[in-house]
Structure formats: C-alpha cells, structure tokens
Amino acid sequence: MTFELWRQDDNGNRFLVGTFTSHDAAERRQATLTRCQHKQIYWIAERTTDEPRETRPCR
C-alpha cells in the first residue's frame, strides 16, 4: 500500500505531489508544504492498486 499526497491550486487543477510508503511520511511532507503562505489544498489518498495513474507530477 502507498500513500499519495495531492495538491489543488487556486484554479482547481490537481497535481500529484509525491508517493510515500507510509502515512506518516506523507503527513510530514504535507506539514512542510502547508507552512507556506499559499492557500493551496493538500490531502493524502491511500493507493491500494499498482495501476499507473495519468497525472502531471507537481514540481
């Protein structure tokens, strides 16, 4: 099982920020990103399949 950290920007676009092997690691990254002044939305999704996901990674 993996955990994905996602971000939604002000225009409603969603981006995969990263994939993590533990929920704790995803939460630590989320905490780092939410300290910034931007009002982005971040959430963690549990991924239970290995099927490729079509998305652009967030840089």
PDB file of N, CA and C in Angstrom:
ATOM      1  N   MET A   1       0.844  -1.170   0.000  1.00  0.00           N
ATOM      2  CA  MET A   1       0.000   0.000   0.000  1.00  0.00           C
ATOM      3  C   MET A   1       0.895   1.240   0.000  1.00  0.00           C
ATOM      4  N   THR A   2       0.488   2.235  -0.756  1.00  0.00           N
ATOM      5  CA  THR A   2       1.207   3.504  -0.801  1.00  0.00           C
ATOM      6  C   THR A   2       0.240   4.641  -0.503  1.00  0.00           C
ATOM      7  N   PHE A   3       0.806   5.785  -0.204  1.00  0.00           N
ATOM      8  CA  PHE A   3       0.018   6.966   0.115  1.00  0.00           C
ATOM      9  C   PHE A   3       0.458   8.092  -0.806  1.00  0.00           C
ATOM     10  N   GLU A   4      -0.523   8.736  -1.419  1.00  0.00           N
ATOM     11  CA  GLU A   4      -0.246   9.823  -2.350  1.00  0.00           C
ATOM     12  C   GLU A   4      -0.613  11.148  -1.706  1.00  0.00           C
ATOM     13  N   LEU A   5       0.252  12.111  -1.896  1.00  0.00           N
ATOM     14  CA  LEU A   5      -0.018  13.470  -1.439  1.00  0.00           C
ATOM     15  C   LEU A   5      -0.414  14.290  -2.660  1.00  0.00           C
ATOM     16  N   TRP A   6      -1.584  14.898  -2.602  1.00  0.00           N
ATOM     17  CA  TRP A   6      -2.135  15.666  -3.699  1.00  0.00           C
ATOM     18  C   TRP A   6      -2.259  17.134  -3.319  1.00  0.00           C
ATOM     19  N   ARG A   7      -2.237  17.985  -4.348  1.00  0.00           N
ATOM     20  CA  ARG A   7      -2.408  19.422  -4.165  1.00  0.00           C
ATOM     21  C   ARG A   7      -3.419  19.936  -5.175  1.00  0.00           C
ATOM     22  N   GLN A   8      -4.277  20.828  -4.733  1.00  0.00           N
ATOM     23  CA  GLN A   8      -5.195  21.519  -5.642  1.00  0.00           C
ATOM     24  C   GLN A   8      -4.860  22.990  -5.602  1.00  0.00           C
ATOM     25  N   ASP A   9      -4.658  23.588  -6.793  1.00  0.00           N
ATOM     26  CA  ASP A   9      -4.302  25.001  -6.844  1.00  0.00           C
ATOM     27  C   ASP A   9      -5.550  25.884  -6.860  1.00  0.00           C
ATOM     28  N   ASP A  10      -5.326  27.174  -6.949  1.00  0.00           N
ATOM     29  CA  ASP A  10      -6.422  28.145  -6.907  1.00  0.00           C
ATOM     30  C   ASP A  10      -7.384  28.020  -8.083  1.00  0.00           C
ATOM     31  N   ASN A  11      -6.935  27.400  -9.164  1.00  0.00           N
ATOM     32  CA  ASN A  11      -7.774  27.242 -10.356  1.00  0.00           C
ATOM     33  C   ASN A  11      -8.476  25.896 -10.398  1.00  0.00           C
ATOM     34  N   GLY A  12      -8.320  25.086  -9.353  1.00  0.00           N
ATOM     35  CA  GLY A  12      -8.974  23.781  -9.299  1.00  0.00           C
ATOM     36  C   GLY A  12      -8.181  22.651  -9.939  1.00  0.00           C
ATOM     37  N   ASN A  13      -6.960  22.947 -10.417  1.00  0.00           N
ATOM     38  CA  ASN A  13      -6.115  21.904 -11.004  1.00  0.00           C
ATOM     39  C   ASN A  13      -5.521  21.051  -9.897  1.00  0.00           C
ATOM     40  N   ARG A  14      -5.503  19.729 -10.112  1.00  0.00           N
ATOM     41  CA  ARG A  14      -4.969  18.806  -9.111  1.00  0.00           C
ATOM     42  C   ARG A  14      -3.676  18.185  -9.604  1.00  0.00           C
ATOM     43  N   PHE A  15      -2.712  18.072  -8.690  1.00  0.00           N
ATOM     44  CA  PHE A  15      -1.389  17.556  -9.020  1.00  0.00           C
ATOM     45  C   PHE A  15      -0.932  16.561  -7.963  1.00  0.00           C
ATOM     46  N   LEU A  16      -0.311  15.505  -8.412  1.00  0.00           N
ATOM     47  CA  LEU A  16       0.306  14.551  -7.503  1.00  0.00           C
ATOM     48  C   LEU A  16       1.628  15.135  -7.037  1.00  0.00           C
ATOM     49  N   VAL A  17       1.769  15.347  -5.735  1.00  0.00           N
ATOM     50  CA  VAL A  17       2.983  15.916  -5.170  1.00  0.00           C
ATOM     51  C   VAL A  17       4.016  14.819  -4.928  1.00  0.00           C
ATOM     52  N   GLY A  18       3.577  13.678  -4.409  1.00  0.00           N
ATOM     53  CA  GLY A  18       4.509  12.594  -4.143  1.00  0.00           C
ATOM     54  C   GLY A  18       3.796  11.339  -3.699  1.00  0.00           C
ATOM     55  N   THR A  19       4.526  10.236  -3.760  1.00  0.00           N
ATOM     56  CA  THR A  19       4.031   8.940  -3.321  1.00  0.00           C
ATOM     57  C   THR A  19       4.929   8.460  -2.196  1.00  0.00           C
ATOM     58  N   PHE A  20       4.323   7.961  -1.126  1.00  0.00           N
ATOM     59  CA  PHE A  20       5.054   7.600   0.081  1.00  0.00           C
ATOM     60  C   PHE A  20       4.684   6.192   0.527  1.00  0.00           C
ATOM     61  N   THR A  21       5.625   5.539   1.184  1.00  0.00           N
ATOM     62  CA  THR A  21       5.383   4.174   1.659  1.00  0.00           C
ATOM     63  C   THR A  21       4.686   4.142   3.009  1.00  0.00           C
ATOM     64  N   SER A  22       4.614   5.288   3.693  1.00  0.00           N
ATOM     65  CA  SER A  22       3.904   5.337   4.969  1.00  0.00           C
ATOM     66  C   SER A  22       3.066   6.608   5.056  1.00  0.00           C
ATOM     67  N   HIS A  23       1.994   6.510   5.808  1.00  0.00           N
ATOM     68  CA  HIS A  23       1.120   7.661   6.015  1.00  0.00           C
ATOM     69  C   HIS A  23       1.862   8.753   6.775  1.00  0.00           C
ATOM     70  N   ASP A  24       2.702   8.357   7.723  1.00  0.00           N
ATOM     71  CA  ASP A  24       3.485   9.328   8.498  1.00  0.00           C
ATOM     72  C   ASP A  24       4.391  10.165   7.606  1.00  0.00           C
ATOM     73  N   ALA A  25       5.055   9.526   6.642  1.00  0.00           N
ATOM     74  CA  ALA A  25       5.941  10.258   5.727  1.00  0.00           C
ATOM     75  C   ALA A  25       5.142  11.250   4.891  1.00  0.00           C
ATOM     76  N   ALA A  26       3.963  10.837   4.432  1.00  0.00           N
ATOM     77  CA  ALA A  26       3.105  11.735   3.653  1.00  0.00           C
ATOM     78  C   ALA A  26       2.646  12.917   4.510  1.00  0.00           C
ATOM     79  N   GLU A  27       2.314  12.656   5.764  1.00  0.00           N
ATOM     80  CA  GLU A  27       1.889  13.731   6.661  1.00  0.00           C
ATOM     81  C   GLU A  27       3.020  14.713   6.944  1.00  0.00           C
ATOM     82  N   ARG A  28       4.242  14.208   7.084  1.00  0.00           N
ATOM     83  CA  ARG A  28       5.379  15.103   7.324  1.00  0.00           C
ATOM     84  C   ARG A  28       5.584  16.044   6.139  1.00  0.00           C
ATOM     85  N   ARG A  29       5.494  15.505   4.923  1.00  0.00           N
ATOM     86  CA  ARG A  29       5.652  16.337   3.722  1.00  0.00           C
ATOM     87  C   ARG A  29       4.511  17.347   3.624  1.00  0.00           C
ATOM     88  N   GLN A  30       3.299  16.898   3.923  1.00  0.00           N
ATOM     89  CA  GLN A  30       2.146  17.789   3.894  1.00  0.00           C
ATOM     90  C   GLN A  30       2.334  18.928   4.896  1.00  0.00           C
ATOM     91  N   ALA A  31       2.813  18.624   6.083  1.00  0.00           N
ATOM     92  CA  ALA A  31       3.032  19.649   7.104  1.00  0.00           C
ATOM     93  C   ALA A  31       4.052  20.673   6.630  1.00  0.00           C
ATOM     94  N   THR A  32       5.099  20.217   5.963  1.00  0.00           N
ATOM     95  CA  THR A  32       6.117  21.129   5.433  1.00  0.00           C
ATOM     96  C   THR A  32       5.510  22.068   4.397  1.00  0.00           C
ATOM     97  N   LEU A  33       4.710  21.523   3.515  1.00  0.00           N
ATOM     98  CA  LEU A  33       4.133  22.331   2.436  1.00  0.00           C
ATOM     99  C   LEU A  33       3.071  23.301   2.935  1.00  0.00           C
ATOM    100  N   THR A  34       2.345  22.949   3.966  1.00  0.00           N
ATOM    101  CA  THR A  34       1.276  23.827   4.438  1.00  0.00           C
ATOM    102  C   THR A  34       1.803  24.963   5.308  1.00  0.00           C
ATOM    103  N   ARG A  35       3.090  24.961   5.630  1.00  0.00           N
ATOM    104  CA  ARG A  35       3.674  26.077   6.380  1.00  0.00           C
ATOM    105  C   ARG A  35       3.849  27.318   5.508  1.00  0.00           C
ATOM    106  N   CYS A  36       3.812  27.147   4.198  1.00  0.00           N
ATOM    107  CA  CYS A  36       3.977  28.272   3.264  1.00  0.00           C
ATOM    108  C   CYS A  36       2.755  29.194   3.327  1.00  0.00           C
ATOM    109  N   GLN A  37       2.907  30.366   2.763  1.00  0.00           N
ATOM    110  CA  GLN A  37       1.832  31.356   2.781  1.00  0.00           C
ATOM    111  C   GLN A  37       0.722  31.071   1.768  1.00  0.00           C
ATOM    112  N   HIS A  38       0.965  30.217   0.785  1.00  0.00           N
ATOM    113  CA  HIS A  38      -0.050  29.926  -0.230  1.00  0.00           C
ATOM    114  C   HIS A  38      -1.231  29.206   0.392  1.00  0.00           C
ATOM    115  N   LYS A  39      -2.379  29.443  -0.150  1.00  0.00           N
ATOM    116  CA  LYS A  39      -3.608  28.824   0.346  1.00  0.00           C
ATOM    117  C   LYS A  39      -3.980  27.619  -0.514  1.00  0.00           C
ATOM    118  N   GLN A  40      -3.044  26.737  -0.742  1.00  0.00           N
ATOM    119  CA  GLN A  40      -3.301  25.537  -1.526  1.00  0.00           C
ATOM    120  C   GLN A  40      -3.975  24.496  -0.633  1.00  0.00           C
ATOM    121  N   ILE A  41      -4.685  23.579  -1.250  1.00  0.00           N
ATOM    122  CA  ILE A  41      -5.315  22.476  -0.531  1.00  0.00           C
ATOM    123  C   ILE A  41      -4.455  21.230  -0.752  1.00  0.00           C
ATOM    124  N   TYR A  42      -4.099  20.556   0.321  1.00  0.00           N
ATOM    125  CA  TYR A  42      -3.325  19.315   0.258  1.00  0.00           C
ATOM    126  C   TYR A  42      -4.113  18.211   0.939  1.00  0.00           C
ATOM    127  N   TRP A  43      -4.043  16.999   0.390  1.00  0.00           N
ATOM    128  CA  TRP A  43      -4.672  15.857   1.036  1.00  0.00           C
ATOM    129  C   TRP A  43      -3.902  14.588   0.705  1.00  0.00           C
ATOM    130  N   ILE A  44      -4.101  13.603   1.546  1.00  0.00           N
ATOM    131  CA  ILE A  44      -3.433  12.306   1.398  1.00  0.00           C
ATOM    132  C   ILE A  44      -4.477  11.282   0.994  1.00  0.00           C
ATOM    133  N   ALA A  45      -4.162  10.513  -0.038  1.00  0.00           N
ATOM    134  CA  ALA A  45      -5.045   9.460  -0.505  1.00  0.00           C
ATOM    135  C   ALA A  45      -4.313   8.125  -0.418  1.00  0.00           C
ATOM    136  N   GLU A  46      -5.008   7.128   0.085  1.00  0.00           N
ATOM    137  CA  GLU A  46      -4.446   5.783   0.157  1.00  0.00           C
ATOM    138  C   GLU A  46      -4.578   5.130  -1.208  1.00  0.00           C
ATOM    139  N   ARG A  47      -3.489   4.558  -1.688  1.00  0.00           N
ATOM    140  CA  ARG A  47      -3.490   3.904  -3.003  1.00  0.00           C
ATOM    141  C   ARG A  47      -3.277   2.419  -2.786  1.00  0.00           C
ATOM    142  N   THR A  48      -4.231   1.620  -3.225  1.00  0.00           N
ATOM    143  CA  THR A  48      -4.158   0.181  -2.997  1.00  0.00           C
ATOM    144  C   THR A  48      -3.911  -0.616  -4.266  1.00  0.00           C
ATOM    145  N   THR A  49      -3.736   0.078  -5.396  1.00  0.00           N
ATOM    146  CA  THR A  49      -3.504  -0.603  -6.664  1.00  0.00           C
ATOM    147  C   THR A  49      -2.200  -0.118  -7.281  1.00  0.00           C
ATOM    148  N   ASP A  50      -1.609  -0.952  -8.108  1.00  0.00           N
ATOM    149  CA  ASP A  50      -0.369  -0.581  -8.780  1.00  0.00           C
ATOM    150  C   ASP A  50      -0.604  -0.065 -10.192  1.00  0.00           C
ATOM    151  N   GLU A  51      -1.866   0.126 -10.569  1.00  0.00           N
ATOM    152  CA  GLU A  51      -2.157   0.634 -11.902  1.00  0.00           C
ATOM    153  C   GLU A  51      -1.570   2.028 -12.061  1.00  0.00           C
ATOM    154  N   PRO A  52      -0.986   2.313 -13.216  1.00  0.00           N
ATOM    155  CA  PRO A  52      -0.417   3.649 -13.425  1.00  0.00           C
ATOM    156  C   PRO A  52      -1.504   4.713 -13.395  1.00  0.00           C
ATOM    157  N   ARG A  53      -1.153   5.847 -12.875  1.00  0.00           N
ATOM    158  CA  ARG A  53      -2.081   6.974 -12.802  1.00  0.00           C
ATOM    159  C   ARG A  53      -1.615   8.023 -13.807  1.00  0.00           C
ATOM    160  N   GLU A  54      -2.555   8.534 -14.587  1.00  0.00           N
ATOM    161  CA  GLU A  54      -2.213   9.571 -15.561  1.00  0.00           C
ATOM    162  C   GLU A  54      -2.373  10.930 -14.900  1.00  0.00           C
ATOM    163  N   THR A  55      -1.257  11.548 -14.576  1.00  0.00           N
ATOM    164  CA  THR A  55      -1.260  12.862 -13.956  1.00  0.00           C
ATOM    165  C   THR A  55       0.085  13.521 -14.151  1.00  0.00           C
ATOM    166  N   ARG A  56       0.121  14.817 -13.989  1.00  0.00           N
ATOM    167  CA  ARG A  56       1.395  15.527 -14.055  1.00  0.00           C
ATOM    168  C   ARG A  56       1.931  15.668 -12.653  1.00  0.00           C
ATOM    169  N   PRO A  57       3.199  15.319 -12.423  1.00  0.00           N
ATOM    170  CA  PRO A  57       3.757  15.499 -11.081  1.00  0.00           C
ATOM    171  C   PRO A  57       3.937  16.973 -10.756  1.00  0.00           C
ATOM    172  N   CYS A  58       3.778  17.298  -9.508  1.00  0.00           N
ATOM    173  CA  CYS A  58       3.984  18.665  -9.035  1.00  0.00           C
ATOM    174  C   CYS A  58       5.473  18.883  -8.804  1.00  0.00           C
ATOM    175  N   ARG A  59       6.003  19.951  -9.273  1.00  0.00           N
ATOM    176  CA  ARG A  59       7.447  20.232  -9.119  1.00  0.00           C
ATOM    177  C   ARG A  59       7.663  21.374  -8.173  1.00  0.00           C
TER     178      ARG A  59
END
